[in-house]
Amino acid sequence: MPSEFEALCPSPQLLPGESIDQYHALQAAIFRDLDPRSAIEWLLAIDIAELSWEMQRYRTLRHRLLNTYRQKAIEITLRRIDVVGIAPEFQDAAKIYTIHNALDWQLDASAASNIEARLRAYGFDQHAISMEVYVQARDILGLFEALLNGAQLRRLVLLKEISNFRRSKMSDLANVAERRSQLSGVKSQRKGLDKETLHER
């Protein structure tokens, strides 16, 4: 970014765990692609880079959210196996047991392998678990979808604005060039008339 436009670009507001190097790499790639020239174009390009980072952030958070809900899905699936048929007075204890098992699945690779094998034996493979994840997370996934769509729409509007701004500048330049051409033609005609007048004299 040219030094005269650096004041237009605020410091990035990153969340814990986000990489400043990755942010600058994405920003630089967008700046190279858009090749802004004026202050207005730089402002638009900065906003486009910021929205692109937000979209990347939303996708990362959505993926982590699905991993979090996977533990809940394991717990619910284990409950379908372990709690069914247990006497009502023991069901609360059985539910607590499945919660502990789901936590073991999250923290202990060996326990996770055993739990997944037991679930497969009852017909619950990874696809069934993933389906349960999406059922549990459907409301929050809708929020992320709205955030992504909103950022994408705003980015498209800004890209269109840059295109319109450049088209307007090109039109203005063409009008200026046409006026200069017309003035040059008028001057040439006057010179021609002056020469004819001198010749007649």
C-alpha atoms as a PDB file:
ATOM      1  CA  MET A   1       0.000   0.000   0.000  1.00  0.00           C
ATOM      2  CA  PRO A   2       1.376   3.446  -0.887  1.00  0.00           C
ATOM      3  CA  SER A   3       2.369   5.388   2.225  1.00  0.00           C
ATOM      4  CA  GLU A   4      -0.138   8.176   1.517  1.00  0.00           C
ATOM      5  CA  PHE A   5      -3.009   5.676   1.853  1.00  0.00           C
ATOM      6  CA  GLU A   6      -1.793   3.813   4.971  1.00  0.00           C
ATOM      7  CA  ALA A   7      -4.026   5.915   7.243  1.00  0.00           C
ATOM      8  CA  LEU A   8      -7.056   4.452   5.439  1.00  0.00           C
ATOM      9  CA  CYS A   9      -6.247   0.906   6.639  1.00  0.00           C
ATOM     10  CA  PRO A  10      -7.026   0.234  10.331  1.00  0.00           C
ATOM     11  CA  SER A  11      -5.199  -2.396  12.369  1.00  0.00           C
ATOM     12  CA  PRO A  12      -6.904  -5.796  12.006  1.00  0.00           C
ATOM     13  CA  GLN A  13      -9.133  -6.886  14.890  1.00  0.00           C
ATOM     14  CA  LEU A  14      -8.230 -10.570  15.132  1.00  0.00           C
ATOM     15  CA  LEU A  15      -9.714 -13.171  17.447  1.00  0.00           C
ATOM     16  CA  PRO A  16      -7.491 -15.361  19.653  1.00  0.00           C
ATOM     17  CA  GLY A  17      -5.926 -18.104  17.554  1.00  0.00           C
ATOM     18  CA  GLU A  18      -6.120 -16.146  14.283  1.00  0.00           C
ATOM     19  CA  SER A  19      -2.889 -15.521  12.372  1.00  0.00           C
ATOM     20  CA  ILE A  20      -1.783 -11.987  11.516  1.00  0.00           C
ATOM     21  CA  ASP A  21       0.438 -13.432   8.763  1.00  0.00           C
ATOM     22  CA  GLN A  22      -2.519 -15.201   7.148  1.00  0.00           C
ATOM     23  CA  TYR A  23      -4.570 -12.007   7.410  1.00  0.00           C
ATOM     24  CA  HIS A  24      -1.885  -9.954   5.668  1.00  0.00           C
ATOM     25  CA  ALA A  25      -1.393 -12.667   3.009  1.00  0.00           C
ATOM     26  CA  LEU A  26      -5.127 -12.637   2.168  1.00  0.00           C
ATOM     27  CA  GLN A  27      -5.196  -8.832   2.206  1.00  0.00           C
ATOM     28  CA  ALA A  28      -2.138  -8.586  -0.075  1.00  0.00           C
ATOM     29  CA  ALA A  29      -3.612 -11.091  -2.559  1.00  0.00           C
ATOM     30  CA  ILE A  30      -6.841  -9.065  -2.794  1.00  0.00           C
ATOM     31  CA  PHE A  31      -4.942  -5.776  -3.164  1.00  0.00           C
ATOM     32  CA  ARG A  32      -2.863  -7.274  -5.998  1.00  0.00           C
ATOM     33  CA  ASP A  33      -5.967  -8.557  -7.738  1.00  0.00           C
ATOM     34  CA  LEU A  34      -7.998  -5.335  -7.431  1.00  0.00           C
ATOM     35  CA  ASP A  35      -4.984  -3.048  -8.024  1.00  0.00           C
ATOM     36  CA  PRO A  36      -6.552   0.039  -6.366  1.00  0.00           C
ATOM     37  CA  ARG A  37      -5.230   3.449  -7.439  1.00  0.00           C
ATOM     38  CA  SER A  38      -7.253   6.229  -5.793  1.00  0.00           C
ATOM     39  CA  ALA A  39      -8.224   6.741  -2.139  1.00  0.00           C
ATOM     40  CA  ILE A  40     -11.802   5.643  -2.884  1.00  0.00           C
ATOM     41  CA  GLU A  41     -10.591   2.431  -4.548  1.00  0.00           C
ATOM     42  CA  TRP A  42      -8.273   1.723  -1.619  1.00  0.00           C
ATOM     43  CA  LEU A  43     -11.128   2.167   0.882  1.00  0.00           C
ATOM     44  CA  LEU A  44     -13.291  -0.257  -1.102  1.00  0.00           C
ATOM     45  CA  ALA A  45     -10.440  -2.761  -1.461  1.00  0.00           C
ATOM     46  CA  ILE A  46      -9.738  -2.644   2.292  1.00  0.00           C
ATOM     47  CA  ASP A  47     -13.409  -3.372   3.048  1.00  0.00           C
ATOM     48  CA  ILE A  48     -13.432  -6.242   0.536  1.00  0.00           C
ATOM     49  CA  ALA A  49     -10.356  -7.775   2.195  1.00  0.00           C
ATOM     50  CA  GLU A  50     -11.970  -7.391   5.627  1.00  0.00           C
ATOM     51  CA  LEU A  51     -15.174  -9.093   4.461  1.00  0.00           C
ATOM     52  CA  SER A  52     -13.161 -11.911   2.881  1.00  0.00           C
ATOM     53  CA  TRP A  53     -11.390 -12.487   6.206  1.00  0.00           C
ATOM     54  CA  GLU A  54     -14.741 -12.488   8.018  1.00  0.00           C
ATOM     55  CA  MET A  55     -16.051 -15.170   5.654  1.00  0.00           C
ATOM     56  CA  GLN A  56     -12.961 -17.294   6.261  1.00  0.00           C
ATOM     57  CA  ARG A  57     -13.438 -16.796  10.017  1.00  0.00           C
ATOM     58  CA  TYR A  58     -17.095 -17.877   9.839  1.00  0.00           C
ATOM     59  CA  ARG A  59     -16.167 -21.059   7.955  1.00  0.00           C
ATOM     60  CA  THR A  60     -13.465 -21.931  10.498  1.00  0.00           C
ATOM     61  CA  LEU A  61     -15.780 -21.299  13.458  1.00  0.00           C
ATOM     62  CA  ARG A  62     -18.551 -23.315  11.817  1.00  0.00           C
ATOM     63  CA  HIS A  63     -16.195 -26.268  11.392  1.00  0.00           C
ATOM     64  CA  ARG A  64     -15.093 -26.062  15.038  1.00  0.00           C
ATOM     65  CA  LEU A  65     -18.707 -25.805  16.093  1.00  0.00           C
ATOM     66  CA  LEU A  66     -19.518 -29.039  14.258  1.00  0.00           C
ATOM     67  CA  ASN A  67     -16.650 -30.765  16.076  1.00  0.00           C
ATOM     68  CA  THR A  68     -18.072 -29.532  19.392  1.00  0.00           C
ATOM     69  CA  TYR A  69     -21.540 -30.814  18.536  1.00  0.00           C
ATOM     70  CA  ARG A  70     -20.037 -34.170  17.564  1.00  0.00           C
ATOM     71  CA  GLN A  71     -19.432 -34.916  21.259  1.00  0.00           C
ATOM     72  CA  LYS A  72     -23.109 -34.146  21.927  1.00  0.00           C
ATOM     73  CA  ALA A  73     -24.101 -36.428  19.047  1.00  0.00           C
ATOM     74  CA  ILE A  74     -21.969 -39.254  20.477  1.00  0.00           C
ATOM     75  CA  GLU A  75     -23.639 -38.746  23.864  1.00  0.00           C
ATOM     76  CA  ILE A  76     -27.151 -38.866  22.376  1.00  0.00           C
ATOM     77  CA  THR A  77     -26.356 -41.956  20.290  1.00  0.00           C
ATOM     78  CA  LEU A  78     -24.846 -43.744  23.296  1.00  0.00           C
ATOM     79  CA  ARG A  79     -27.994 -42.904  25.248  1.00  0.00           C
ATOM     80  CA  ARG A  80     -30.091 -44.688  22.624  1.00  0.00           C
ATOM     81  CA  ILE A  81     -28.017 -47.808  23.249  1.00  0.00           C
ATOM     82  CA  ASP A  82     -27.296 -47.683  26.968  1.00  0.00           C
ATOM     83  CA  VAL A  83     -30.418 -46.138  28.487  1.00  0.00           C
ATOM     84  CA  VAL A  84     -33.081 -48.089  26.578  1.00  0.00           C
ATOM     85  CA  GLY A  85     -34.586 -50.841  28.731  1.00  0.00           C
ATOM     86  CA  ILE A  86     -33.147 -49.544  32.007  1.00  0.00           C
ATOM     87  CA  ALA A  87     -35.558 -49.157  34.895  1.00  0.00           C
ATOM     88  CA  PRO A  88     -36.744 -45.547  35.356  1.00  0.00           C
ATOM     89  CA  GLU A  89     -35.065 -45.191  38.752  1.00  0.00           C
ATOM     90  CA  PHE A  90     -31.660 -45.940  37.147  1.00  0.00           C
ATOM     91  CA  GLN A  91     -32.047 -43.841  33.984  1.00  0.00           C
ATOM     92  CA  ASP A  92     -30.588 -40.653  35.475  1.00  0.00           C
ATOM     93  CA  ALA A  93     -27.441 -42.530  36.504  1.00  0.00           C
ATOM     94  CA  ALA A  94     -27.242 -44.115  33.041  1.00  0.00           C
ATOM     95  CA  LYS A  95     -27.500 -40.680  31.400  1.00  0.00           C
ATOM     96  CA  ILE A  96     -24.633 -39.387  33.536  1.00  0.00           C
ATOM     97  CA  TYR A  97     -22.646 -42.462  32.483  1.00  0.00           C
ATOM     98  CA  THR A  98     -23.196 -41.666  28.781  1.00  0.00           C
ATOM     99  CA  ILE A  99     -22.097 -38.055  29.389  1.00  0.00           C
ATOM    100  CA  HIS A 100     -18.832 -39.341  30.890  1.00  0.00           C
ATOM    101  CA  ASN A 101     -18.391 -41.755  27.979  1.00  0.00           C
ATOM    102  CA  ALA A 102     -18.869 -38.954  25.457  1.00  0.00           C
ATOM    103  CA  LEU A 103     -16.269 -36.882  27.314  1.00  0.00           C
ATOM    104  CA  ASP A 104     -13.877 -39.865  27.228  1.00  0.00           C
ATOM    105  CA  TRP A 105     -14.522 -40.082  23.471  1.00  0.00           C
ATOM    106  CA  GLN A 106     -13.449 -36.443  23.159  1.00  0.00           C
ATOM    107  CA  LEU A 107     -10.326 -36.698  25.325  1.00  0.00           C
ATOM    108  CA  ASP A 108      -9.048 -40.274  25.003  1.00  0.00           C
ATOM    109  CA  ALA A 109      -8.175 -41.720  21.581  1.00  0.00           C
ATOM    110  CA  SER A 110      -8.313 -45.303  22.865  1.00  0.00           C
ATOM    111  CA  ALA A 111     -11.740 -44.768  24.438  1.00  0.00           C
ATOM    112  CA  ALA A 112     -12.928 -43.065  21.249  1.00  0.00           C
ATOM    113  CA  SER A 113     -11.920 -46.101  19.189  1.00  0.00           C
ATOM    114  CA  ASN A 114     -13.787 -48.469  21.524  1.00  0.00           C
ATOM    115  CA  ILE A 115     -16.904 -46.278  21.640  1.00  0.00           C
ATOM    116  CA  GLU A 116     -17.025 -45.888  17.843  1.00  0.00           C
ATOM    117  CA  ALA A 117     -16.634 -49.681  17.427  1.00  0.00           C
ATOM    118  CA  ARG A 118     -19.548 -50.242  19.827  1.00  0.00           C
ATOM    119  CA  LEU A 119     -21.684 -47.713  17.979  1.00  0.00           C
ATOM    120  CA  ARG A 120     -20.905 -49.408  14.640  1.00  0.00           C
ATOM    121  CA  ALA A 121     -21.978 -52.733  16.137  1.00  0.00           C
ATOM    122  CA  TYR A 122     -25.418 -51.161  16.724  1.00  0.00           C
ATOM    123  CA  GLY A 123     -25.540 -49.680  13.202  1.00  0.00           C
ATOM    124  CA  PHE A 124     -24.406 -46.137  13.995  1.00  0.00           C
ATOM    125  CA  ASP A 125     -21.514 -45.362  11.602  1.00  0.00           C
ATOM    126  CA  GLN A 126     -19.770 -41.992  11.119  1.00  0.00           C
ATOM    127  CA  HIS A 127     -22.455 -40.842   8.649  1.00  0.00           C
ATOM    128  CA  ALA A 128     -25.163 -41.483  11.229  1.00  0.00           C
ATOM    129  CA  ILE A 129     -23.172 -39.507  13.802  1.00  0.00           C
ATOM    130  CA  SER A 130     -22.679 -36.637  11.328  1.00  0.00           C
ATOM    131  CA  MET A 131     -26.419 -36.561  10.654  1.00  0.00           C
ATOM    132  CA  GLU A 132     -27.043 -36.277  14.392  1.00  0.00           C
ATOM    133  CA  VAL A 133     -24.475 -33.449  14.550  1.00  0.00           C
ATOM    134  CA  TYR A 134     -26.389 -31.433  11.937  1.00  0.00           C
ATOM    135  CA  VAL A 135     -29.706 -32.110  13.689  1.00  0.00           C
ATOM    136  CA  GLN A 136     -28.301 -30.825  16.990  1.00  0.00           C
ATOM    137  CA  ALA A 137     -26.560 -27.803  15.429  1.00  0.00           C
ATOM    138  CA  ARG A 138     -29.252 -26.823  12.901  1.00  0.00           C
ATOM    139  CA  ASP A 139     -30.224 -23.529  14.583  1.00  0.00           C
ATOM    140  CA  ILE A 140     -26.682 -22.234  15.058  1.00  0.00           C
ATOM    141  CA  LEU A 141     -25.754 -23.409  11.536  1.00  0.00           C
ATOM    142  CA  GLY A 142     -28.570 -21.206  10.241  1.00  0.00           C
ATOM    143  CA  LEU A 143     -26.950 -18.250  11.994  1.00  0.00           C
ATOM    144  CA  PHE A 144     -23.583 -18.968  10.339  1.00  0.00           C
ATOM    145  CA  GLU A 145     -25.281 -19.349   6.961  1.00  0.00           C
ATOM    146  CA  ALA A 146     -26.884 -15.916   7.401  1.00  0.00           C
ATOM    147  CA  LEU A 147     -23.529 -14.388   8.411  1.00  0.00           C
ATOM    148  CA  LEU A 148     -21.762 -15.906   5.387  1.00  0.00           C
ATOM    149  CA  ASN A 149     -24.498 -14.864   2.959  1.00  0.00           C
ATOM    150  CA  GLY A 150     -24.548 -11.325   4.390  1.00  0.00           C
ATOM    151  CA  ALA A 151     -20.767 -10.931   4.074  1.00  0.00           C
ATOM    152  CA  GLN A 152     -20.807 -12.375   0.549  1.00  0.00           C
ATOM    153  CA  LEU A 153     -23.576  -9.991  -0.527  1.00  0.00           C
ATOM    154  CA  ARG A 154     -21.744  -6.963   0.915  1.00  0.00           C
ATOM    155  CA  ARG A 155     -18.532  -8.045  -0.821  1.00  0.00           C
ATOM    156  CA  LEU A 156     -20.319  -8.356  -4.183  1.00  0.00           C
ATOM    157  CA  VAL A 157     -21.816  -4.880  -3.715  1.00  0.00           C
ATOM    158  CA  LEU A 158     -18.354  -3.413  -3.036  1.00  0.00           C
ATOM    159  CA  LEU A 159     -16.843  -5.167  -6.067  1.00  0.00           C
ATOM    160  CA  LYS A 160     -19.636  -3.738  -8.207  1.00  0.00           C
ATOM    161  CA  GLU A 161     -19.007  -0.311  -6.679  1.00  0.00           C
ATOM    162  CA  ILE A 162     -15.318  -0.460  -7.648  1.00  0.00           C
ATOM    163  CA  SER A 163     -16.304  -1.475 -11.184  1.00  0.00           C
ATOM    164  CA  ASN A 164     -18.833   1.379 -11.451  1.00  0.00           C
ATOM    165  CA  PHE A 165     -16.323   3.878 -10.021  1.00  0.00           C
ATOM    166  CA  ARG A 166     -13.695   2.880 -12.587  1.00  0.00           C
ATOM    167  CA  ARG A 167     -16.233   2.947 -15.424  1.00  0.00           C
ATOM    168  CA  SER A 168     -17.265   6.451 -14.367  1.00  0.00           C
ATOM    169  CA  LYS A 169     -13.626   7.606 -14.293  1.00  0.00           C
ATOM    170  CA  MET A 170     -12.994   6.137 -17.746  1.00  0.00           C
ATOM    171  CA  SER A 171     -16.093   7.889 -19.054  1.00  0.00           C
ATOM    172  CA  ASP A 172     -14.927  11.205 -17.562  1.00  0.00           C
ATOM    173  CA  LEU A 173     -11.478  10.780 -19.118  1.00  0.00           C
ATOM    174  CA  ALA A 174     -13.048   9.970 -22.484  1.00  0.00           C
ATOM    175  CA  ASN A 175     -15.216  13.116 -22.261  1.00  0.00           C
ATOM    176  CA  VAL A 176     -12.185  15.257 -21.414  1.00  0.00           C
ATOM    177  CA  ALA A 177     -10.233  13.771 -24.320  1.00  0.00           C
ATOM    178  CA  GLU A 178     -13.179  14.403 -26.658  1.00  0.00           C
ATOM    179  CA  ARG A 179     -13.442  18.029 -25.540  1.00  0.00           C
ATOM    180  CA  ARG A 180      -9.710  18.527 -26.063  1.00  0.00           C
ATOM    181  CA  SER A 181     -10.018  16.981 -29.506  1.00  0.00           C
ATOM    182  CA  GLN A 182     -12.902  19.299 -30.360  1.00  0.00           C
ATOM    183  CA  LEU A 183     -10.988  22.350 -29.102  1.00  0.00           C
ATOM    184  CA  SER A 184      -7.967  21.285 -31.106  1.00  0.00           C
ATOM    185  CA  GLY A 185     -10.161  20.991 -34.188  1.00  0.00           C
ATOM    186  CA  VAL A 186     -11.630  24.464 -33.627  1.00  0.00           C
ATOM    187  CA  LYS A 187      -8.140  25.927 -33.249  1.00  0.00           C
ATOM    188  CA  SER A 188      -7.040  24.236 -36.471  1.00  0.00           C
ATOM    189  CA  GLN A 189     -10.049  25.636 -38.295  1.00  0.00           C
ATOM    190  CA  ARG A 190      -9.278  29.131 -36.987  1.00  0.00           C
ATOM    191  CA  LYS A 191      -5.676  28.854 -38.110  1.00  0.00           C
ATOM    192  CA  GLY A 192      -6.882  27.756 -41.523  1.00  0.00           C
ATOM    193  CA  LEU A 193      -9.276  30.695 -41.743  1.00  0.00           C
ATOM    194  CA  ASP A 194      -6.533  33.114 -40.633  1.00  0.00           C
ATOM    195  CA  LYS A 195      -4.244  31.813 -43.378  1.00  0.00           C
ATOM    196  CA  GLU A 196      -6.995  32.179 -45.993  1.00  0.00           C
ATOM    197  CA  THR A 197      -7.670  35.748 -44.845  1.00  0.00           C
ATOM    198  CA  LEU A 198      -3.985  36.663 -45.093  1.00  0.00           C
ATOM    199  CA  HIS A 199      -3.763  35.061 -48.518  1.00  0.00           C
ATOM    200  CA  GLU A 200      -6.786  37.050 -49.772  1.00  0.00           C
ATOM    201  CA  ARG A 201      -5.195  40.287 -48.535  1.00  0.00           C
END
